[in-house]
């Protein structure tokens, strides 16, 4: 089997409501899709998502597409995708950084290989440990009453009993008060967690985390800037409530340094930040060897990208703190014919060939920024 072609599409999907983060508010989420064809005509599809252009990561959607087309694609055309780990290593030698772009290409290779062998992609990564995983929902309206009503609805319909609140934007004390009211409203029925997206300094963190810990909040995500491992280590050693690293973990080298210096109590895994599926498994191995539990993070992918992450996370035993794979629920529409299933507070792991999702090419035509119809048939 040889790779015959690789095409990249930038797609903008509308959301059901604004999604507020410290660095950006999402009303339309941009995803980047890759279609890889073998010489036999079998297609493998990959996806990565970005947040706010370059507001979250250095790689913009436009850079991801441009660097794949110019620098990565020529390296792999004619190669056998069965060797996806070896090819990813080779790409890393010739292309520095560009972890989202590398992840996109690798996921398309993995999907292609798994479909060719008529197996789920997770069988290429050691097989399933989980057929479903707990899934969190982000309460991001910013209005306390609305957030409480939304949380109650999620609990009553058995969709979510883990809630995250993005509190990196605005007055920290007001945000903390907002969280405490929500925790009081849901009580022990739900886990309430917060994500600061690097927005606090250490002094602010000391006051705010103490108040959040006292109120029963279960997890504090990335309170300090991604470079401040020493500060994160001090916070992790001071408080009982666990501190989770997200933005500060990307590469396996970063994961090792955080584990070595105990700069976090929990690792948030994100496939694009690590540079792909194989790299994410290596990050998970570092966490496992260090006795650090894990959380299956999201870049707010659509149904395909969510399936990619879900299948990989299903192969990792220590996803102790669940996942955040709610992306498809935030979109008004998706790019697959079949949809991700959620029930009993969990996401069900797709199990069809490849990543288990059937691409809706008409939806890609509709939402793609630039598109030549003959290129997608």
Protein backbone atom coordinates (compact mmCIF):
# COMPACT_ATOMS: atom_id res chain seq x y z
CA UNK A 1 0.00 0.00 0.00
CA UNK A 2 1.23 3.47 -0.90
CA UNK A 3 -0.03 6.98 -0.23
CA UNK A 4 -1.36 8.38 -3.49
CA UNK A 5 -2.70 11.80 -2.45
CA UNK A 6 -3.24 14.12 0.50
CA UNK A 7 -5.74 16.99 0.52
CA UNK A 8 -6.34 19.48 3.34
CA UNK A 9 -9.54 21.46 3.96
CA UNK A 10 -10.24 24.32 6.36
CA UNK A 11 -13.81 24.13 7.66
CA UNK A 12 -15.72 26.60 9.86
CA UNK A 13 -18.55 25.13 11.96
CA UNK A 14 -21.08 27.33 13.83
CA UNK A 15 -21.67 26.65 17.53
CA UNK A 16 -24.99 26.52 19.37
CA UNK A 17 -23.89 29.32 21.72
CA UNK A 18 -20.81 31.45 22.43
CA UNK A 19 -18.08 29.50 24.20
CA UNK A 20 -15.98 31.80 26.39
CA UNK A 21 -12.31 31.17 27.13
CA UNK A 22 -9.69 33.48 28.62
CA UNK A 23 -8.08 34.10 25.22
CA UNK A 24 -11.05 33.89 22.83
CA UNK A 25 -14.81 33.49 22.50
CA UNK A 26 -15.86 30.80 20.02
CA UNK A 27 -18.98 31.39 17.94
CA UNK A 28 -17.59 29.56 14.90
CA UNK A 29 -15.02 26.83 15.41
CA UNK A 30 -12.38 26.18 12.78
CA UNK A 31 -11.32 22.61 12.11
CA UNK A 32 -8.76 21.37 9.62
CA UNK A 33 -9.45 18.09 7.82
CA UNK A 34 -7.07 15.89 5.85
CA UNK A 35 -8.04 13.23 3.32
CA UNK A 36 -5.37 10.68 2.45
CA UNK A 37 -5.94 8.24 -0.42
CA UNK A 38 -4.09 5.03 -1.11
CA UNK A 39 -3.33 3.86 -4.63
CA UNK A 40 -6.25 1.43 -4.17
CA UNK A 41 -8.64 4.36 -3.63
CA UNK A 42 -9.21 3.80 0.11
CA UNK A 43 -9.57 7.03 2.06
CA UNK A 44 -8.24 7.90 5.51
CA UNK A 45 -9.43 11.06 7.23
CA UNK A 46 -7.89 13.13 10.01
CA UNK A 47 -8.88 16.25 11.92
CA UNK A 48 -7.41 18.84 14.24
CA UNK A 49 -9.11 21.90 15.70
CA UNK A 50 -7.68 25.26 16.69
CA UNK A 51 -9.05 27.99 18.94
CA UNK A 52 -9.15 31.60 17.81
CA UNK A 53 -6.58 31.39 15.04
CA UNK A 54 -3.32 31.77 16.95
CA UNK A 55 -4.79 32.81 20.32
CA UNK A 56 -4.33 29.31 21.82
CA UNK A 57 -1.52 27.80 19.75
CA UNK A 58 1.20 29.18 17.50
CA UNK A 59 -0.29 27.26 14.56
CA UNK A 60 -3.17 28.85 12.71
CA UNK A 61 -5.49 26.82 10.46
CA UNK A 62 -3.94 28.53 7.46
CA UNK A 63 -0.41 27.62 8.61
CA UNK A 64 -1.43 24.01 9.22
CA UNK A 65 -2.74 23.66 5.67
CA UNK A 66 0.12 25.62 4.08
CA UNK A 67 2.90 23.72 5.82
CA UNK A 68 1.35 20.34 5.09
CA UNK A 69 0.88 21.18 1.41
CA UNK A 70 4.39 22.57 0.94
CA UNK A 71 6.61 20.68 3.37
CA UNK A 72 4.97 17.51 4.73
CA UNK A 73 3.01 16.18 1.78
CA UNK A 74 6.09 15.75 -0.50
CA UNK A 75 7.77 13.67 2.22
CA UNK A 76 5.07 11.00 2.38
CA UNK A 77 3.58 10.62 -1.10
CA UNK A 78 4.48 7.13 -2.34
CA UNK A 79 5.29 5.88 1.15
CA UNK A 80 3.53 3.01 2.96
CA UNK A 81 1.23 4.43 5.69
CA UNK A 82 1.50 1.16 7.64
CA UNK A 83 4.77 2.65 8.87
CA UNK A 84 2.98 5.67 10.36
CA UNK A 85 5.18 5.85 13.47
CA UNK A 86 8.34 5.72 11.37
CA UNK A 87 6.93 8.27 8.92
CA UNK A 88 5.97 10.60 11.80
CA UNK A 89 9.56 10.36 13.07
CA UNK A 90 10.88 11.15 9.58
CA UNK A 91 8.56 14.14 9.28
CA UNK A 92 9.83 15.38 12.66
CA UNK A 93 13.42 15.34 11.36
CA UNK A 94 12.55 17.53 8.38
CA UNK A 95 9.81 19.73 9.90
CA UNK A 96 10.38 21.45 13.24
CA UNK A 97 7.44 22.22 15.51
CA UNK A 98 4.12 22.22 13.62
CA UNK A 99 2.66 19.67 16.03
CA UNK A 100 -0.96 20.20 14.96
CA UNK A 101 -0.01 19.70 11.31
CA UNK A 102 1.92 16.53 12.16
CA UNK A 103 -0.99 15.24 14.22
CA UNK A 104 -3.40 15.84 11.35
CA UNK A 105 -1.29 13.89 8.87
CA UNK A 106 -0.65 11.02 11.28
CA UNK A 107 -4.34 10.64 12.12
CA UNK A 108 -5.18 10.38 8.41
CA UNK A 109 -2.50 7.70 8.03
CA UNK A 110 -3.84 5.74 11.00
CA UNK A 111 -7.42 5.92 9.70
CA UNK A 112 -6.26 4.74 6.28
CA UNK A 113 -4.29 1.79 7.69
CA UNK A 114 -7.11 0.70 10.00
CA UNK A 115 -9.74 0.93 7.25
CA UNK A 116 -7.52 -1.08 4.90
CA UNK A 117 -7.39 -3.82 7.54
CA UNK A 118 -11.08 -3.38 8.47
CA UNK A 119 -10.29 -2.80 12.15
CA UNK A 120 -10.90 0.05 14.59
CA UNK A 121 -7.89 2.35 14.91
CA UNK A 122 -7.54 1.60 18.60
CA UNK A 123 -6.35 -1.90 17.70
CA UNK A 124 -3.20 -0.27 16.28
CA UNK A 125 -2.48 1.20 19.75
CA UNK A 126 -2.77 -1.86 21.95
CA UNK A 127 -6.53 -2.33 22.03
CA UNK A 128 -9.34 -0.98 24.15
CA UNK A 129 -9.24 -0.61 27.91
CA UNK A 130 -12.55 1.34 27.93
CA UNK A 131 -15.70 1.04 25.81
CA UNK A 132 -16.94 4.35 27.23
CA UNK A 133 -15.47 7.20 29.29
CA UNK A 134 -16.92 9.91 31.56
CA UNK A 135 -17.35 13.19 29.72
CA UNK A 136 -17.40 16.71 31.12
CA UNK A 137 -19.47 19.66 29.90
CA UNK A 138 -18.31 23.27 30.02
CA UNK A 139 -20.71 25.79 31.53
CA UNK A 140 -19.65 28.88 29.65
CA UNK A 141 -22.58 31.33 29.49
CA UNK A 142 -21.08 33.48 32.26
CA UNK A 143 -24.52 33.88 33.86
CA UNK A 144 -24.84 32.04 37.18
CA UNK A 145 -28.58 31.35 36.94
CA UNK A 146 -28.32 30.07 33.37
CA UNK A 147 -25.33 27.92 34.20
CA UNK A 148 -27.14 26.33 37.13
CA UNK A 149 -30.19 25.63 34.97
CA UNK A 150 -27.96 24.11 32.30
CA UNK A 151 -26.19 21.94 34.88
CA UNK A 152 -29.51 20.71 36.31
CA UNK A 153 -30.72 19.83 32.79
CA UNK A 154 -27.52 17.86 32.11
CA UNK A 155 -27.92 15.95 35.39
CA UNK A 156 -31.63 15.24 34.85
CA UNK A 157 -31.04 13.92 31.33
CA UNK A 158 -27.97 11.91 32.46
CA UNK A 159 -25.71 13.58 29.90
CA UNK A 160 -23.08 15.09 32.20
CA UNK A 161 -22.21 15.04 35.88
CA UNK A 162 -18.81 16.70 35.46
CA UNK A 163 -18.84 20.45 34.85
CA UNK A 164 -15.98 22.73 33.97
CA UNK A 165 -16.09 26.51 34.19
CA UNK A 166 -13.75 28.79 32.27
CA UNK A 167 -12.82 31.54 34.72
CA UNK A 168 -9.68 33.12 33.28
CA UNK A 169 -11.42 36.18 31.88
CA UNK A 170 -12.70 39.04 34.05
CA UNK A 171 -12.51 39.69 37.80
CA UNK A 172 -11.04 36.58 39.52
CA UNK A 173 -12.98 37.14 42.76
CA UNK A 174 -16.29 37.50 40.94
CA UNK A 175 -15.51 34.41 38.89
CA UNK A 176 -14.72 32.41 42.01
CA UNK A 177 -18.00 33.53 43.61
CA UNK A 178 -19.80 32.43 40.43
CA UNK A 179 -18.24 28.96 40.67
CA UNK A 180 -19.01 28.59 44.36
CA UNK A 181 -22.70 29.31 43.76
CA UNK A 182 -22.85 26.65 41.06
CA UNK A 183 -21.09 24.11 43.30
CA UNK A 184 -23.56 24.88 46.09
CA UNK A 185 -26.46 24.35 43.66
CA UNK A 186 -25.33 20.93 42.36
CA UNK A 187 -23.78 19.70 45.61
CA UNK A 188 -22.48 16.16 45.57
CA UNK A 189 -24.43 15.25 42.43
CA UNK A 190 -21.68 16.59 40.21
CA UNK A 191 -17.97 17.29 40.03
CA UNK A 192 -17.24 20.99 39.48
CA UNK A 193 -13.89 21.98 38.00
CA UNK A 194 -12.33 25.22 36.78
CA UNK A 195 -10.00 26.15 33.92
CA UNK A 196 -8.05 29.40 34.13
CA UNK A 197 -6.26 29.07 30.76
CA UNK A 198 -3.02 30.56 32.20
CA UNK A 199 -4.72 33.83 33.16
CA UNK A 200 -3.71 34.18 36.84
CA UNK A 201 -0.45 35.09 38.51
CA UNK A 202 0.74 33.19 41.55
CA UNK A 203 -0.57 35.72 44.09
CA UNK A 204 -4.06 35.65 42.58
CA UNK A 205 -3.92 31.85 42.47
CA UNK A 206 -3.15 31.58 46.19
CA UNK A 207 -6.31 33.44 47.20
CA UNK A 208 -8.60 31.99 44.57
CA UNK A 209 -7.55 28.34 44.85
CA UNK A 210 -7.94 28.44 48.61
CA UNK A 211 -11.54 29.67 48.21
CA UNK A 212 -12.29 27.11 45.50
CA UNK A 213 -10.78 24.26 47.49
CA UNK A 214 -12.86 25.20 50.54
CA UNK A 215 -16.04 25.17 48.44
CA UNK A 216 -15.49 21.61 47.20
CA UNK A 217 -14.21 22.28 43.67
CA UNK A 218 -12.45 19.14 42.45
CA UNK A 219 -9.79 20.36 40.02
CA UNK A 220 -7.88 23.53 39.04
CA UNK A 221 -6.64 23.59 35.45
CA UNK A 222 -3.60 25.60 34.34
CA UNK A 223 -3.81 28.66 36.62
CA UNK A 224 -0.37 29.98 35.61
CA UNK A 225 1.40 30.67 32.32
CA UNK A 226 2.61 27.58 30.47
CA UNK A 227 6.29 28.40 31.12
CA UNK A 228 5.88 28.78 34.90
CA UNK A 229 6.56 25.22 36.05
CA UNK A 230 8.14 26.40 39.28
CA UNK A 231 5.00 28.32 40.23
CA UNK A 232 2.79 25.37 39.26
CA UNK A 233 4.95 23.13 41.44
CA UNK A 234 4.52 25.45 44.42
CA UNK A 235 0.73 25.48 43.96
CA UNK A 236 0.59 21.70 43.57
CA UNK A 237 2.50 21.18 46.81
CA UNK A 238 0.46 23.77 48.75
CA UNK A 239 -3.12 22.68 48.00
CA UNK A 240 -5.01 19.41 48.36
CA UNK A 241 -7.21 20.15 45.35
CA UNK A 242 -5.31 18.80 42.33
CA UNK A 243 -3.68 21.17 39.85
CA UNK A 244 -3.85 20.03 36.22
CA UNK A 245 -1.38 20.96 33.50
CA UNK A 246 -2.82 21.63 30.06
CA UNK A 247 -1.12 24.36 28.02
CA UNK A 248 2.21 23.56 29.67
CA UNK A 249 2.16 19.99 28.32
CA UNK A 250 2.72 19.37 24.65
CA UNK A 251 5.82 17.40 23.77
CA UNK A 252 7.13 14.34 25.57
CA UNK A 253 10.05 16.47 26.80
CA UNK A 254 7.65 18.96 28.42
CA UNK A 255 5.73 16.08 29.99
CA UNK A 256 8.95 14.68 31.45
CA UNK A 257 9.96 18.03 32.97
CA UNK A 258 6.54 18.52 34.57
CA UNK A 259 6.60 15.01 35.99
CA UNK A 260 10.17 15.38 37.23
CA UNK A 261 9.47 18.64 39.07
CA UNK A 262 5.92 17.70 40.08
CA UNK A 263 4.62 20.84 38.40
CA UNK A 264 1.12 19.31 38.22
CA UNK A 265 -0.96 16.60 39.87
CA UNK A 266 -2.79 15.64 36.66
CA UNK A 267 -1.87 15.58 32.95
CA UNK A 268 -4.41 16.82 30.40
CA UNK A 269 -3.79 14.86 27.20
CA UNK A 270 -4.42 16.55 23.85
CA UNK A 271 -3.49 14.70 20.69
CA UNK A 272 -2.68 17.75 18.47
CA UNK A 273 -0.49 19.42 21.10
CA UNK A 274 1.65 16.31 21.47
CA UNK A 275 2.07 16.02 17.71
CA UNK A 276 -0.07 12.97 17.13
CA UNK A 277 -1.46 9.73 18.46
CA UNK A 278 1.85 7.93 18.95
CA UNK A 279 3.33 10.94 20.77
CA UNK A 280 0.27 11.15 23.02
CA UNK A 281 0.73 7.52 24.02
CA UNK A 282 4.31 8.40 24.99
CA UNK A 283 3.10 11.34 27.11
CA UNK A 284 0.66 8.94 28.78
CA UNK A 285 3.50 6.50 29.47
CA UNK A 286 5.48 9.26 31.22
CA UNK A 287 2.45 10.05 33.36
CA UNK A 288 1.91 6.38 34.17
CA UNK A 289 5.56 5.88 35.11
CA UNK A 290 5.36 8.96 37.37
CA UNK A 291 2.14 7.95 39.08
CA UNK A 292 0.30 10.94 37.60
CA UNK A 293 -3.38 10.40 36.66
CA UNK A 294 -4.72 11.67 33.34
CA UNK A 295 -7.60 13.54 31.77
CA UNK A 296 -8.63 13.20 28.14
CA UNK A 297 -8.66 16.77 26.87
CA UNK A 298 -10.17 18.40 23.80
CA UNK A 299 -9.42 21.20 21.37
CA UNK A 300 -13.19 21.25 20.74
CA UNK A 301 -13.07 18.97 17.75
CA UNK A 302 -16.02 17.97 15.60
CA UNK A 303 -17.34 14.40 15.47
CA UNK A 304 -14.32 13.05 13.54
CA UNK A 305 -11.69 14.69 15.75
CA UNK A 306 -13.59 13.60 18.85
CA UNK A 307 -13.61 9.99 17.60
CA UNK A 308 -9.85 10.20 17.00
CA UNK A 309 -9.21 11.30 20.58
CA UNK A 310 -11.79 8.93 22.07
CA UNK A 311 -10.31 5.90 20.35
CA UNK A 312 -6.83 6.71 21.58
CA UNK A 313 -7.96 7.54 25.13
CA UNK A 314 -9.80 4.22 25.21
CA UNK A 315 -6.40 2.47 25.04
CA UNK A 316 -5.03 4.25 28.15
CA UNK A 317 -5.96 2.61 31.48
CA UNK A 318 -5.32 5.63 33.74
CA UNK A 319 -7.85 8.16 32.40
CA UNK A 320 -8.81 8.64 36.03
CA UNK A 321 -10.38 12.07 35.68
CA UNK A 322 -12.52 11.31 32.62
CA UNK A 323 -12.58 13.30 29.39
CA UNK A 324 -13.75 16.57 27.93
CA UNK A 325 -14.86 15.21 24.57
CA UNK A 326 -18.06 17.24 24.32
CA UNK A 327 -17.14 18.99 21.05
CA UNK A 328 -19.86 17.54 18.79
CA UNK A 329 -22.53 18.68 21.26
CA UNK A 330 -21.38 22.30 20.90
CA UNK A 331 -21.79 22.43 17.11
CA UNK A 332 -24.96 23.17 15.18
CA UNK A 333 -23.77 20.68 12.55
CA UNK A 334 -21.03 18.09 12.04
CA UNK A 335 -18.93 16.63 9.22
CA UNK A 336 -19.89 12.96 9.60
CA UNK A 337 -23.01 11.05 8.66
CA UNK A 338 -23.01 9.05 11.88
CA UNK A 339 -22.69 10.84 15.20
CA UNK A 340 -20.87 10.37 18.48
CA UNK A 341 -23.12 8.75 21.09
CA UNK A 342 -23.45 9.99 24.67
CA UNK A 343 -25.36 8.24 27.44
CA UNK A 344 -25.25 7.76 31.22
CA UNK A 345 -22.76 10.62 31.65
CA UNK A 346 -20.30 9.00 29.24
CA UNK A 347 -19.08 9.11 25.67
CA UNK A 348 -19.31 5.78 23.85
CA UNK A 349 -16.13 4.92 21.99
CA UNK A 350 -16.80 4.54 18.22
CA UNK A 351 -15.82 1.08 17.06
CA UNK A 352 -16.22 0.89 13.29
CA UNK A 353 -13.31 0.55 10.82
CA UNK A 354 -10.74 3.32 11.19
CA UNK A 355 -11.99 5.92 13.63
CA UNK A 356 -15.51 4.61 13.16
CA UNK A 357 -16.92 7.73 11.47
CA UNK A 358 -18.42 8.10 7.99
CA UNK A 359 -17.47 11.41 6.37
CA UNK A 360 -20.26 13.59 4.98
CA UNK A 361 -18.58 15.15 1.97
CA UNK A 362 -21.54 17.39 1.25
CA UNK A 363 -21.11 18.98 4.68
CA UNK A 364 -17.42 19.54 3.98
CA UNK A 365 -18.34 21.20 0.68
CA UNK A 366 -20.84 23.40 2.48
CA UNK A 367 -18.62 24.57 5.33
CA UNK A 368 -15.20 24.59 3.64
CA UNK A 369 -13.62 28.01 3.07
CA UNK A 370 -12.12 27.25 -0.33
CA UNK A 371 -13.27 24.26 -2.20
CA UNK A 372 -13.07 22.64 -5.62
CA UNK A 373 -15.96 20.20 -5.88
CA UNK A 374 -14.09 17.78 -8.10
CA UNK A 375 -11.49 17.42 -5.38
CA UNK A 376 -13.79 15.77 -2.84
CA UNK A 377 -15.78 13.21 -4.80
